Amino acid sequence: MTKVLHKPDYTDAVRADAIGTCEAYRVGIFIVAYNADKLISQVLDRIPDFIAERVAEIFIIDDCSKDATFSVASAAARANVAIPIRVFRTPSNQGYGGNQQLGYQYALERGFDIAVLLHGDGQYAPEYLPQILAEYSRHPDVAAVYGSRFMPPRSALKGGMPLYKWVGNRILTRLQQRLIGSSLSEMHSGYRSYKLSSLAKVPFQLNSKDFDFDSDIIIQFAAAGLKIIEVPIPTYYGDEICYVNGMKYASQCLRSALRYRAMQFEIFYDKKYDIPREGVGLYQRKSSPKTTHGYVRQLNFAGNEKVFDVGGGDGKAIAIDLAERGLSVTVLDQTPCATSHSNLEHVICNLDSLDTWTGVPPSSADVLLALDVIEHLRDPEHGIDQMFRALKAGGRLVASTGNVAFLLVRVMLAFGFFNYGRKGILDLTHRRLFTIGTFSQLLARHGFKITKKTYFGVPLLDTIGGRSWFIRTLDQLSHWLAQKLPSLFAYQVMIEAERRESIHDLMAGTFALPKSSLNPVASPVQVYQQTQRQPAGV
């Protein structure tokens, strides 16, 4: 009864490896179906017996078809009692992507190790399941195995793919490859399989419910650094009905790729692409001299200066460089230290907590670095006051922040668009946004004399790499524009400021008076606040 449309060219080794995968893993074969009553039984029949007998389950999800798909599939399941087949029907049409969301969530909750996707219309040959499954025995570290109709590139044409579809697929795939950084030979194959442990690492539940769901998955696996490999599969076009609007699908795929690419520039944010990658943090060391980190590494320090690196992360960005120069460096951050040095001390603390600062001796630092940290504080004014307290009179504050008046942000607002990113000017964790002017005013009001401002363009060399002359040229242009018109083109500003003497220091020196009960290292704002709290007549 089995109608074999494709005679697979798999060897005994492929058969053995496919069986090995089924024995080592709980494999679920997931069939998405919509209006496929004429083909669904044939798809089940075409699954090789030695695979069907060994998988944990074959499950079909009929996406509320308008025909008899559900009853035909259910009858086929009853006729194959030796094979574990289950048939489900959605209460309402979920779309191609929505159906996959349900299926993969079901596979996760059923405790399957691998899920293989088949289409109920038979467009992707079930006879090639052994080739797909064999790769999991051969590559234990693989996260997904896809079937590709473009291995070799022109095989799809020989298999009957219309020329216009072949050309469109090639163009769209190339564009996506450039934007995503993928090397897959085909981005649009529906013959896919996943390790469920890998699929659980990405928020596929947030993906499109349309046909571009598959594009979202590729982007998510690229973001997570998960390995996808491909195997050749035949191209087949029969009398199945295509429900894909080609132009709409292409625009959806390109939009997803562009959004993901925009996230790499930190000018756009989409939760479904925000995937933590093992060993890669958001606060990373910037190497280019035209960045805040590069600038601080080149600053002159006296050999005996005590440096506080407030919000310095794990110490790799700046602190370790200064410690190796012989400076005594203390990092204050909630991130555990990732490096050690005899000159480096790491204090794990919450910078928003009052207790953090009471444990820091007054007037104990010669230099205080606050690189891209003030905007993260719940109360930046309080943070600046505590930095004033920690510094010696005449001590140096080196602080940086993003410029929210940067041209790109202004353009976005002009078009009614405002979106946070994982880092950059509109970092999701920012609690206060500053222009160059408002940041300067903040420091001046709290007792600092601004001595120098330095402006930086977009850190392109560190953000996307400087391998091409084009990126290097753009980086230089961005830096040049930041110097010429900083209010518009400065991506970040670095302010160097001197901690003025407090009013109590001046009173003691001017009037030879004993220190008052007020904090002798209070900033001007703190002095005012404490004075307001004094009872009348004191």
Protein backbone atom coordinates (compact mmCIF):
# COMPACT_ATOMS: atom_id res chain seq x y z
CA MET A 1 0.00 0.00 0.00
CA THR A 2 2.97 2.30 0.54
CA LYS A 3 3.48 4.68 -2.35
CA VAL A 4 7.17 5.60 -2.45
CA LEU A 5 7.60 8.80 -4.41
CA HIS A 6 11.32 9.08 -3.68
CA LYS A 7 13.77 6.23 -3.51
CA PRO A 8 16.23 7.36 -0.87
CA ASP A 9 19.87 6.61 -1.48
CA TYR A 10 20.78 5.80 2.12
CA THR A 11 23.39 3.25 2.94
CA ASP A 12 23.51 0.65 5.67
CA ALA A 13 25.50 3.14 7.71
CA VAL A 14 22.72 5.73 7.43
CA ARG A 15 20.16 3.12 8.44
CA ALA A 16 22.27 2.04 11.41
CA ASP A 17 22.87 5.61 12.56
CA ALA A 18 19.17 6.49 12.22
CA ILE A 19 18.23 3.45 14.30
CA GLY A 20 20.92 4.42 16.79
CA THR A 21 19.35 7.87 17.15
CA CYS A 22 15.90 6.37 17.74
CA GLU A 23 17.32 4.06 20.38
CA ALA A 24 19.37 6.76 22.12
CA TYR A 25 16.72 9.49 22.02
CA ARG A 26 12.95 9.73 22.40
CA VAL A 27 12.02 10.88 18.89
CA GLY A 28 8.70 12.48 18.06
CA ILE A 29 7.59 12.94 14.44
CA PHE A 30 5.39 16.02 14.25
CA ILE A 31 3.11 16.40 11.22
CA VAL A 32 1.51 19.79 10.59
CA ALA A 33 -1.64 19.46 8.52
CA TYR A 34 -4.15 21.82 6.93
CA ASN A 35 -6.68 20.74 4.28
CA ALA A 36 -4.61 17.63 3.55
CA ASP A 37 -7.26 14.89 3.59
CA LYS A 38 -6.16 13.56 0.19
CA LEU A 39 -2.48 13.22 1.17
CA ILE A 40 -2.17 12.71 4.94
CA SER A 41 -2.59 8.90 4.84
CA GLN A 42 0.04 8.68 2.12
CA VAL A 43 2.48 10.71 4.22
CA LEU A 44 2.06 8.26 7.09
CA ASP A 45 2.53 5.29 4.76
CA ARG A 46 5.76 6.75 3.37
CA ILE A 47 7.50 6.87 6.75
CA PRO A 48 10.02 4.00 6.66
CA ASP A 49 8.85 1.10 8.82
CA PHE A 50 12.12 0.78 10.71
CA ILE A 51 11.73 4.43 11.78
CA ALA A 52 8.00 4.34 12.54
CA GLU A 53 8.45 1.28 14.75
CA ARG A 54 11.17 2.93 16.84
CA VAL A 55 10.00 6.50 17.41
CA ALA A 56 8.32 7.46 20.65
CA GLU A 57 5.32 8.92 18.87
CA ILE A 58 3.97 10.28 15.61
CA PHE A 59 1.60 13.13 16.32
CA ILE A 60 -0.51 15.05 13.84
CA ILE A 61 -1.99 18.46 14.54
CA ASP A 62 -4.79 19.36 12.16
CA ASP A 63 -5.00 23.16 12.12
CA CYS A 64 -8.81 23.34 12.05
CA SER A 65 -8.97 22.22 8.43
CA LYS A 66 -12.06 22.88 6.34
CA ASP A 67 -11.92 19.38 4.85
CA ALA A 68 -11.83 15.87 6.35
CA THR A 69 -8.15 15.93 7.37
CA PHE A 70 -8.87 15.13 11.03
CA SER A 71 -11.18 12.16 10.35
CA VAL A 72 -8.91 10.75 7.63
CA ALA A 73 -5.84 11.03 9.87
CA SER A 74 -7.71 9.49 12.80
CA ALA A 75 -8.79 6.55 10.62
CA ALA A 76 -5.20 6.07 9.48
CA ALA A 77 -4.04 6.06 13.10
CA ARG A 78 -6.59 3.38 13.99
CA ALA A 79 -5.45 1.30 11.05
CA ASN A 80 -1.82 1.36 12.23
CA VAL A 81 -2.27 0.07 15.78
CA ALA A 82 1.36 -1.11 15.99
CA ILE A 83 2.62 2.46 15.55
CA PRO A 84 2.07 5.14 18.25
CA ILE A 85 0.07 7.73 16.27
CA ARG A 86 -1.95 10.48 17.93
CA VAL A 87 -4.15 12.98 16.08
CA PHE A 88 -5.19 16.41 17.40
CA ARG A 89 -7.25 19.27 16.05
CA THR A 90 -6.89 22.93 17.03
CA PRO A 91 -10.08 24.71 18.17
CA SER A 92 -9.34 27.53 15.72
CA ASN A 93 -6.87 28.02 12.91
CA GLN A 94 -3.46 28.95 14.35
CA GLY A 95 -1.48 29.39 11.15
CA TYR A 96 1.63 27.49 10.10
CA GLY A 97 3.76 29.05 12.84
CA GLY A 98 1.08 28.78 15.49
CA ASN A 99 0.69 25.08 14.73
CA GLN A 100 4.42 24.57 15.20
CA GLN A 101 4.35 26.44 18.50
CA LEU A 102 1.72 23.99 19.76
CA GLY A 103 3.60 20.97 18.45
CA TYR A 104 6.97 21.86 19.95
CA GLN A 105 5.42 22.77 23.27
CA TYR A 106 3.63 19.42 23.26
CA ALA A 107 6.91 17.64 22.46
CA LEU A 108 8.64 19.42 25.33
CA GLU A 109 5.92 18.51 27.79
CA ARG A 110 5.89 14.91 26.58
CA GLY A 111 9.60 14.69 27.31
CA PHE A 112 10.76 13.98 23.77
CA ASP A 113 14.43 14.52 22.96
CA ILE A 114 14.08 15.19 19.23
CA ALA A 115 11.17 16.50 17.17
CA VAL A 116 11.10 16.07 13.39
CA LEU A 117 8.73 18.24 11.38
CA LEU A 118 6.86 16.79 8.40
CA HIS A 119 4.19 18.43 6.26
CA GLY A 120 0.83 16.77 5.84
CA ASP A 121 0.80 17.45 2.10
CA GLY A 122 3.92 15.32 1.50
CA GLN A 123 6.00 18.11 -0.04
CA TYR A 124 8.97 16.98 2.04
CA ALA A 125 9.75 13.32 1.55
CA PRO A 126 9.19 11.16 4.65
CA GLU A 127 11.51 8.59 3.02
CA TYR A 128 14.42 10.86 3.95
CA LEU A 129 13.79 10.69 7.69
CA PRO A 130 16.75 8.30 8.13
CA GLN A 131 19.17 10.88 6.68
CA ILE A 132 17.82 13.52 9.06
CA LEU A 133 17.95 11.30 12.15
CA ALA A 134 21.34 9.75 11.34
CA GLU A 135 23.05 13.12 11.87
CA TYR A 136 22.19 13.11 15.57
CA SER A 137 24.24 9.95 16.04
CA ARG A 138 27.11 11.39 14.02
CA HIS A 139 27.07 14.87 15.62
CA PRO A 140 26.05 14.70 19.30
CA ASP A 141 26.58 18.47 19.66
CA VAL A 142 24.17 19.44 16.89
CA ALA A 143 21.07 21.45 17.88
CA ALA A 144 19.06 21.00 14.70
CA VAL A 145 19.18 19.13 11.39
CA TYR A 146 17.49 20.60 8.32
CA GLY A 147 16.84 19.14 4.90
CA SER A 148 18.10 21.33 2.05
CA ARG A 149 16.83 21.30 -1.52
CA PHE A 150 19.86 23.37 -2.59
CA MET A 151 22.61 20.84 -1.93
CA PRO A 152 24.03 21.08 -4.57
CA PRO A 153 22.71 24.55 -5.50
CA ARG A 154 20.93 23.65 -8.77
CA SER A 155 19.40 20.40 -7.59
CA ALA A 156 16.10 22.13 -6.80
CA LEU A 157 15.72 23.15 -10.46
CA LYS A 158 16.35 19.60 -11.57
CA GLY A 159 13.72 18.46 -9.10
CA GLY A 160 11.06 20.63 -10.68
CA MET A 161 11.18 23.87 -8.68
CA PRO A 162 9.85 26.66 -10.94
CA LEU A 163 12.58 29.05 -12.06
CA TYR A 164 10.93 32.10 -10.51
CA LYS A 165 10.74 30.34 -7.14
CA TRP A 166 14.35 29.21 -7.42
CA VAL A 167 15.53 32.75 -8.20
CA GLY A 168 13.38 34.26 -5.43
CA ASN A 169 14.62 31.69 -2.92
CA ARG A 170 18.25 32.34 -3.84
CA ILE A 171 17.92 36.13 -3.56
CA LEU A 172 16.02 36.00 -0.28
CA THR A 173 18.42 33.44 1.20
CA ARG A 174 21.47 35.55 0.28
CA LEU A 175 19.98 38.66 1.84
CA GLN A 176 19.09 36.79 5.02
CA GLN A 177 22.53 35.20 5.18
CA ARG A 178 24.19 38.61 5.11
CA LEU A 179 21.87 40.10 7.71
CA ILE A 180 21.78 37.16 10.10
CA GLY A 181 25.30 35.83 9.59
CA SER A 182 24.09 32.40 8.53
CA SER A 183 25.78 29.98 6.16
CA LEU A 184 22.80 27.68 5.55
CA SER A 185 22.37 26.69 1.92
CA GLU A 186 18.59 27.07 2.24
CA MET A 187 16.75 29.30 4.70
CA HIS A 188 13.25 28.25 3.63
CA SER A 189 13.13 24.50 3.89
CA GLY A 190 10.22 23.12 5.88
CA TYR A 191 12.01 19.83 6.52
CA ARG A 192 13.37 20.45 10.00
CA SER A 193 14.24 18.64 13.18
CA TYR A 194 15.31 19.92 16.58
CA LYS A 195 16.80 18.72 19.78
CA LEU A 196 14.21 19.77 22.31
CA SER A 197 16.92 20.75 24.81
CA SER A 198 18.11 23.34 22.26
CA LEU A 199 14.63 24.45 21.31
CA ALA A 200 13.91 25.10 24.99
CA LYS A 201 16.71 27.69 25.02
CA VAL A 202 14.91 30.02 22.61
CA PRO A 203 11.51 31.75 23.04
CA PHE A 204 9.87 30.13 20.01
CA GLN A 205 6.51 30.79 21.70
CA LEU A 206 6.96 34.48 20.76
CA ASN A 207 7.56 33.79 17.08
CA SER A 208 5.30 34.64 14.18
CA LYS A 209 2.23 32.46 13.72
CA ASP A 210 2.63 32.81 9.97
CA PHE A 211 5.03 31.08 7.58
CA ASP A 212 7.97 33.25 8.70
CA PHE A 213 8.01 31.28 11.97
CA ASP A 214 10.79 29.21 10.40
CA SER A 215 12.84 32.35 9.73
CA ASP A 216 12.46 33.42 13.36
CA ILE A 217 13.78 30.05 14.55
CA ILE A 218 16.92 30.37 12.42
CA ILE A 219 17.56 33.85 13.80
CA GLN A 220 17.07 32.64 17.37
CA PHE A 221 19.46 29.73 16.90
CA ALA A 222 22.04 32.10 15.39
CA ALA A 223 21.62 34.47 18.36
CA ALA A 224 22.03 31.59 20.81
CA GLY A 225 25.05 30.16 18.99
CA LEU A 226 23.27 26.83 18.39
CA LYS A 227 24.57 24.56 15.65
CA ILE A 228 22.42 23.69 12.62
CA ILE A 229 23.56 21.23 9.97
CA GLU A 230 21.92 20.31 6.67
CA VAL A 231 21.44 17.18 4.62
CA PRO A 232 20.40 17.01 0.95
CA ILE A 233 16.74 16.26 0.26
CA PRO A 234 14.83 16.02 -3.03
CA THR A 235 12.60 18.74 -4.39
CA TYR A 236 9.01 17.72 -4.97
CA TYR A 237 6.10 19.70 -6.38
CA GLY A 238 2.87 17.77 -6.77
CA ASP A 239 -0.82 18.63 -6.67
CA GLU A 240 -0.69 20.01 -3.12
CA ILE A 241 -2.19 23.46 -2.59
CA CYS A 242 0.27 26.22 -1.66
CA TYR A 243 -1.06 28.64 0.95
CA VAL A 244 2.03 30.87 0.98
CA ASN A 245 1.79 34.41 -0.37
CA GLY A 246 5.31 34.72 -1.79
CA MET A 247 5.69 38.50 -1.59
CA LYS A 248 4.21 38.72 1.88
CA TYR A 249 6.42 35.87 3.07
CA ALA A 250 9.57 37.47 1.62
CA SER A 251 8.80 40.83 3.22
CA GLN A 252 8.15 39.14 6.59
CA CYS A 253 11.45 37.26 6.45
CA LEU A 254 13.40 40.36 5.50
CA ARG A 255 11.71 42.41 8.21
CA SER A 256 12.66 39.81 10.82
CA ALA A 257 16.27 39.75 9.63
CA LEU A 258 16.47 43.56 9.60
CA ARG A 259 15.04 43.75 13.12
CA TYR A 260 17.58 41.26 14.34
CA ARG A 261 20.37 43.19 12.64
CA ALA A 262 19.11 46.43 14.17
CA MET A 263 19.35 44.77 17.57
CA GLN A 264 23.07 44.24 16.98
CA PHE A 265 23.38 48.03 16.67
CA GLU A 266 21.25 48.35 19.83
CA ILE A 267 18.73 50.63 18.12
CA PHE A 268 15.87 48.15 18.27
CA TYR A 269 14.63 45.59 20.73
CA ASP A 270 12.50 42.49 20.27
CA LYS A 271 12.14 40.07 23.15
CA LYS A 272 12.10 37.01 20.90
CA TYR A 273 15.64 37.76 19.71
CA ASP A 274 17.01 38.65 23.15
CA ILE A 275 18.67 35.33 23.86
CA PRO A 276 21.50 35.08 26.40
CA ARG A 277 24.56 33.45 24.92
CA GLU A 278 26.81 31.44 27.18
CA GLY A 279 30.05 33.27 27.94
CA VAL A 280 28.89 36.51 26.32
CA GLY A 281 27.77 39.38 28.57
CA LEU A 282 26.30 42.71 27.60
CA TYR A 283 28.92 44.81 29.42
CA GLN A 284 31.94 43.97 27.33
CA ARG A 285 35.41 45.34 26.98
CA LYS A 286 35.78 47.92 24.22
CA SER A 287 39.13 47.76 22.49
CA SER A 288 39.06 50.71 20.11
CA PRO A 289 40.89 53.86 21.34
CA LYS A 290 37.88 55.88 20.12
CA THR A 291 35.66 54.50 22.88
CA THR A 292 35.21 55.33 26.56
CA HIS A 293 37.21 52.29 27.61
CA GLY A 294 40.01 53.04 25.18
CA TYR A 295 40.12 56.66 26.37
CA VAL A 296 40.39 55.74 30.07
CA ARG A 297 43.23 53.30 29.35
CA GLN A 298 45.20 56.20 27.94
CA LEU A 299 44.60 58.58 30.87
CA ASN A 300 47.54 59.64 33.00
CA PHE A 301 47.47 58.43 36.60
CA ALA A 302 49.91 59.02 39.43
CA GLY A 303 51.46 55.78 40.59
CA ASN A 304 50.14 56.10 44.14
CA GLU A 305 46.54 56.99 43.25
CA LYS A 306 43.67 54.98 44.67
CA VAL A 307 41.09 54.30 41.95
CA PHE A 308 37.44 53.28 42.43
CA ASP A 309 35.78 51.68 39.40
CA VAL A 310 32.08 52.08 40.19
CA GLY A 311 29.91 49.68 38.18
CA GLY A 312 33.02 48.13 36.62
CA GLY A 313 31.40 44.75 36.01
CA ASP A 314 33.66 41.74 36.41
CA GLY A 315 36.80 43.88 36.18
CA LYS A 316 37.81 42.84 32.67
CA ALA A 317 36.76 46.05 30.93
CA ILE A 318 39.00 48.59 32.70
CA ALA A 319 40.05 47.59 36.21
CA ILE A 320 42.53 44.86 35.27
CA ASP A 321 44.34 47.19 32.84
CA LEU A 322 44.82 49.82 35.54
CA ALA A 323 45.84 47.23 38.13
CA GLU A 324 48.53 45.97 35.77
CA ARG A 325 49.84 49.55 35.53
CA GLY A 326 50.49 49.44 39.29
CA LEU A 327 47.43 51.37 40.42
CA SER A 328 45.41 50.27 43.44
CA VAL A 329 41.93 49.59 42.02
CA THR A 330 38.66 48.77 43.81
CA VAL A 331 35.70 47.61 41.72
CA LEU A 332 32.23 48.19 43.16
CA ASP A 333 29.67 46.09 41.31
CA GLN A 334 27.11 43.34 41.84
CA THR A 335 28.87 41.16 39.25
CA PRO A 336 31.43 38.73 40.71
CA CYS A 337 35.05 39.37 39.75
CA ALA A 338 36.29 37.36 36.76
CA THR A 339 39.97 38.18 37.17
CA SER A 340 42.47 38.53 39.98
CA HIS A 341 45.49 40.75 40.61
CA SER A 342 47.38 41.82 43.71
CA ASN A 343 46.41 45.45 43.02
CA LEU A 344 42.75 44.65 42.37
CA GLU A 345 40.01 44.49 45.01
CA HIS A 346 36.42 43.60 44.14
CA VAL A 347 33.52 44.59 46.40
CA ILE A 348 30.24 42.88 45.46
CA CYS A 349 27.47 45.35 46.15
CA ASN A 350 24.21 46.87 44.98
CA LEU A 351 24.99 50.46 44.04
CA ASP A 352 21.40 51.48 44.72
CA SER A 353 21.70 50.39 48.35
CA LEU A 354 22.56 52.93 51.05
CA ASP A 355 24.57 50.23 52.83
CA THR A 356 26.93 50.00 49.87
CA TRP A 357 28.17 53.52 50.31
CA THR A 358 28.29 53.60 54.11
CA GLY A 359 30.88 50.85 53.85
CA VAL A 360 33.09 53.06 51.66
CA PRO A 361 35.36 55.31 53.76
CA PRO A 362 34.86 59.06 53.13
CA SER A 363 37.52 60.83 51.09
CA SER A 364 39.25 57.54 50.29
CA ALA A 365 39.58 57.69 46.49
CA ASP A 366 41.87 59.83 44.38
CA VAL A 367 40.09 58.91 41.13
CA LEU A 368 36.57 57.58 40.69
CA LEU A 369 35.46 56.03 37.41
CA ALA A 370 31.73 55.92 36.68
CA LEU A 371 31.62 54.62 33.11
CA ASP A 372 28.08 54.16 31.80
CA VAL A 373 26.71 53.54 35.28
CA ILE A 374 24.97 56.70 36.51
CA GLU A 375 22.08 56.24 34.09
CA HIS A 376 21.46 52.77 35.59
CA LEU A 377 21.00 54.00 39.14
CA ARG A 378 17.57 54.24 40.71
CA ASP A 379 18.49 57.64 42.13
CA PRO A 380 21.36 59.17 40.11
CA GLU A 381 21.46 62.24 42.35
CA HIS A 382 22.05 60.10 45.41
CA GLY A 383 24.71 58.15 43.51
CA ILE A 384 26.57 61.34 42.58
CA ASP A 385 26.42 62.48 46.21
CA GLN A 386 28.01 59.24 47.34
CA MET A 387 30.72 59.54 44.70
CA PHE A 388 31.40 63.07 45.99
CA ARG A 389 31.66 61.64 49.52
CA ALA A 390 34.04 58.84 48.45
CA LEU A 391 36.44 61.19 46.64
CA LYS A 392 39.11 63.30 48.29
CA ALA A 393 38.87 67.08 47.90
CA GLY A 394 40.44 67.83 44.53
CA GLY A 395 39.93 64.20 43.48
CA ARG A 396 39.02 63.37 39.91
CA LEU A 397 35.69 62.00 38.66
CA VAL A 398 35.65 60.40 35.20
CA ALA A 399 32.05 59.72 34.19
CA SER A 400 30.40 58.78 30.90
CA THR A 401 26.86 58.34 29.63
CA GLY A 402 24.93 58.06 26.40
CA ASN A 403 23.57 61.14 24.65
CA VAL A 404 19.81 60.72 24.25
CA ALA A 405 19.81 63.69 21.83
CA PHE A 406 21.88 61.61 19.36
CA LEU A 407 20.66 62.17 15.80
CA LEU A 408 19.30 58.65 15.29
CA VAL A 409 17.17 58.87 18.43
CA ARG A 410 15.81 62.22 17.25
CA VAL A 411 14.93 60.76 13.86
CA MET A 412 13.18 57.81 15.51
CA LEU A 413 11.12 60.16 17.65
CA ALA A 414 10.27 62.30 14.63
CA PHE A 415 8.64 59.24 13.07
CA GLY A 416 6.89 58.31 16.31
CA PHE A 417 9.20 55.40 17.03
CA PHE A 418 10.86 54.77 20.38
CA ASN A 419 12.37 51.45 21.31
CA TYR A 420 14.81 50.32 23.97
CA GLY A 421 17.70 47.95 23.29
CA ARG A 422 19.85 45.54 25.25
CA LYS A 423 22.56 48.17 25.59
CA GLY A 424 23.55 51.51 24.13
CA ILE A 425 21.79 54.85 24.58
CA LEU A 426 18.36 53.29 25.12
CA ASP A 427 19.49 50.39 27.28
CA LEU A 428 16.55 48.49 28.79
CA THR A 429 18.10 48.86 32.24
CA HIS A 430 18.55 52.65 32.03
CA ARG A 431 16.53 54.51 34.63
CA ARG A 432 17.50 58.02 33.56
CA LEU A 433 18.34 59.42 30.15
CA PHE A 434 20.70 62.38 29.69
CA THR A 435 21.73 64.87 27.07
CA ILE A 436 25.25 66.31 27.23
CA GLY A 437 23.83 69.42 28.89
CA THR A 438 21.72 67.67 31.54
CA PHE A 439 24.55 65.31 32.46
CA SER A 440 26.90 68.28 32.88
CA GLN A 441 24.35 70.09 35.05
CA LEU A 442 23.90 67.03 37.26
CA LEU A 443 27.60 66.87 38.08
CA ALA A 444 27.97 70.62 38.55
CA ARG A 445 25.01 70.86 40.94
CA HIS A 446 26.49 68.16 43.13
CA GLY A 447 29.84 69.78 43.74
CA PHE A 448 32.00 68.96 40.72
CA LYS A 449 33.96 71.37 38.58
CA ILE A 450 33.95 70.15 34.99
CA THR A 451 37.43 70.29 33.51
CA LYS A 452 37.03 68.45 30.23
CA LYS A 453 34.43 66.92 27.93
CA THR A 454 35.28 64.28 25.36
CA TYR A 455 32.85 63.07 22.73
CA PHE A 456 32.61 59.67 21.06
CA GLY A 457 30.85 58.45 17.95
CA VAL A 458 29.11 55.10 17.58
CA PRO A 459 31.61 52.36 18.58
CA LEU A 460 31.30 50.54 15.27
CA LEU A 461 34.64 48.75 15.46
CA ASP A 462 33.65 47.07 18.70
CA THR A 463 29.97 46.63 17.88
CA ILE A 464 30.19 44.99 14.47
CA GLY A 465 33.93 44.59 13.93
CA GLY A 466 36.37 46.50 11.78
CA ARG A 467 37.25 43.96 9.15
CA SER A 468 36.11 46.03 6.17
CA TRP A 469 37.37 49.42 4.99
CA PHE A 470 33.76 50.57 4.85
CA ILE A 471 33.15 49.99 8.57
CA ARG A 472 36.49 51.59 9.47
CA THR A 473 35.60 54.63 7.36
CA LEU A 474 32.18 54.91 8.97
CA ASP A 475 33.78 54.68 12.41
CA GLN A 476 36.17 57.51 11.61
CA LEU A 477 33.36 59.62 10.15
CA SER A 478 31.18 59.04 13.22
CA HIS A 479 34.03 60.07 15.52
CA TRP A 480 34.77 63.19 13.45
CA LEU A 481 31.12 64.29 13.44
CA ALA A 482 30.93 63.78 17.21
CA GLN A 483 33.71 66.34 17.66
CA LYS A 484 32.20 68.86 15.23
CA LEU A 485 28.61 68.81 16.46
CA PRO A 486 28.42 66.78 19.66
CA SER A 487 24.82 67.62 20.57
CA LEU A 488 23.67 65.76 17.44
CA PHE A 489 26.40 63.27 16.63
CA ALA A 490 28.00 62.34 19.95
CA TYR A 491 26.85 58.83 20.87
CA GLN A 492 28.52 59.13 24.28
CA VAL A 493 30.11 61.88 26.34
CA MET A 494 32.94 61.53 28.84
CA ILE A 495 33.19 64.21 31.52
CA GLU A 496 36.25 64.69 33.66
CA ALA A 497 35.52 66.74 36.76
CA GLU A 498 37.28 67.84 39.92
CA ARG A 499 35.62 67.32 43.29
CA ARG A 500 35.37 70.77 44.83
CA GLU A 501 35.92 71.40 48.53
CA SER A 502 32.72 70.96 50.49
CA ILE A 503 31.21 73.98 52.20
CA HIS A 504 32.35 72.59 55.55
CA ASP A 505 35.92 72.25 54.31
CA LEU A 506 35.73 75.92 53.32
CA MET A 507 34.17 77.00 56.60
CA ALA A 508 36.84 75.23 58.61
CA GLY A 509 39.55 76.85 56.51
CA THR A 510 37.99 80.32 56.44
CA PHE A 511 36.72 80.74 59.98
CA ALA A 512 38.97 78.28 61.81
CA LEU A 513 35.80 76.64 63.16
CA PRO A 514 35.48 73.06 64.38
CA LYS A 515 33.64 70.76 62.03
CA SER A 516 29.87 71.00 62.40
CA SER A 517 27.51 68.09 62.91
CA LEU A 518 26.72 68.11 59.21
CA ASN A 519 28.52 65.65 56.99
CA PRO A 520 31.93 67.23 56.35
CA VAL A 521 32.06 65.74 52.85
CA ALA A 522 28.48 66.44 51.84
CA SER A 523 27.79 67.77 48.36
CA PRO A 524 26.07 71.17 48.01
CA VAL A 525 22.71 69.45 47.44
CA GLN A 526 23.14 67.33 50.56
CA VAL A 527 24.09 70.39 52.62
CA TYR A 528 20.91 72.14 51.51
CA GLN A 529 18.78 69.10 52.28
CA GLN A 530 20.31 68.67 55.73
CA THR A 531 19.97 72.39 56.49
CA GLN A 532 16.27 72.20 55.64
CA ARG A 533 15.89 69.45 58.22
CA GLN A 534 17.52 71.48 61.06
CA PRO A 535 15.03 72.81 63.66
CA ALA A 536 14.50 76.58 63.73
CA GLY A 537 17.08 78.53 65.72
CA VAL A 538 19.85 75.95 65.36
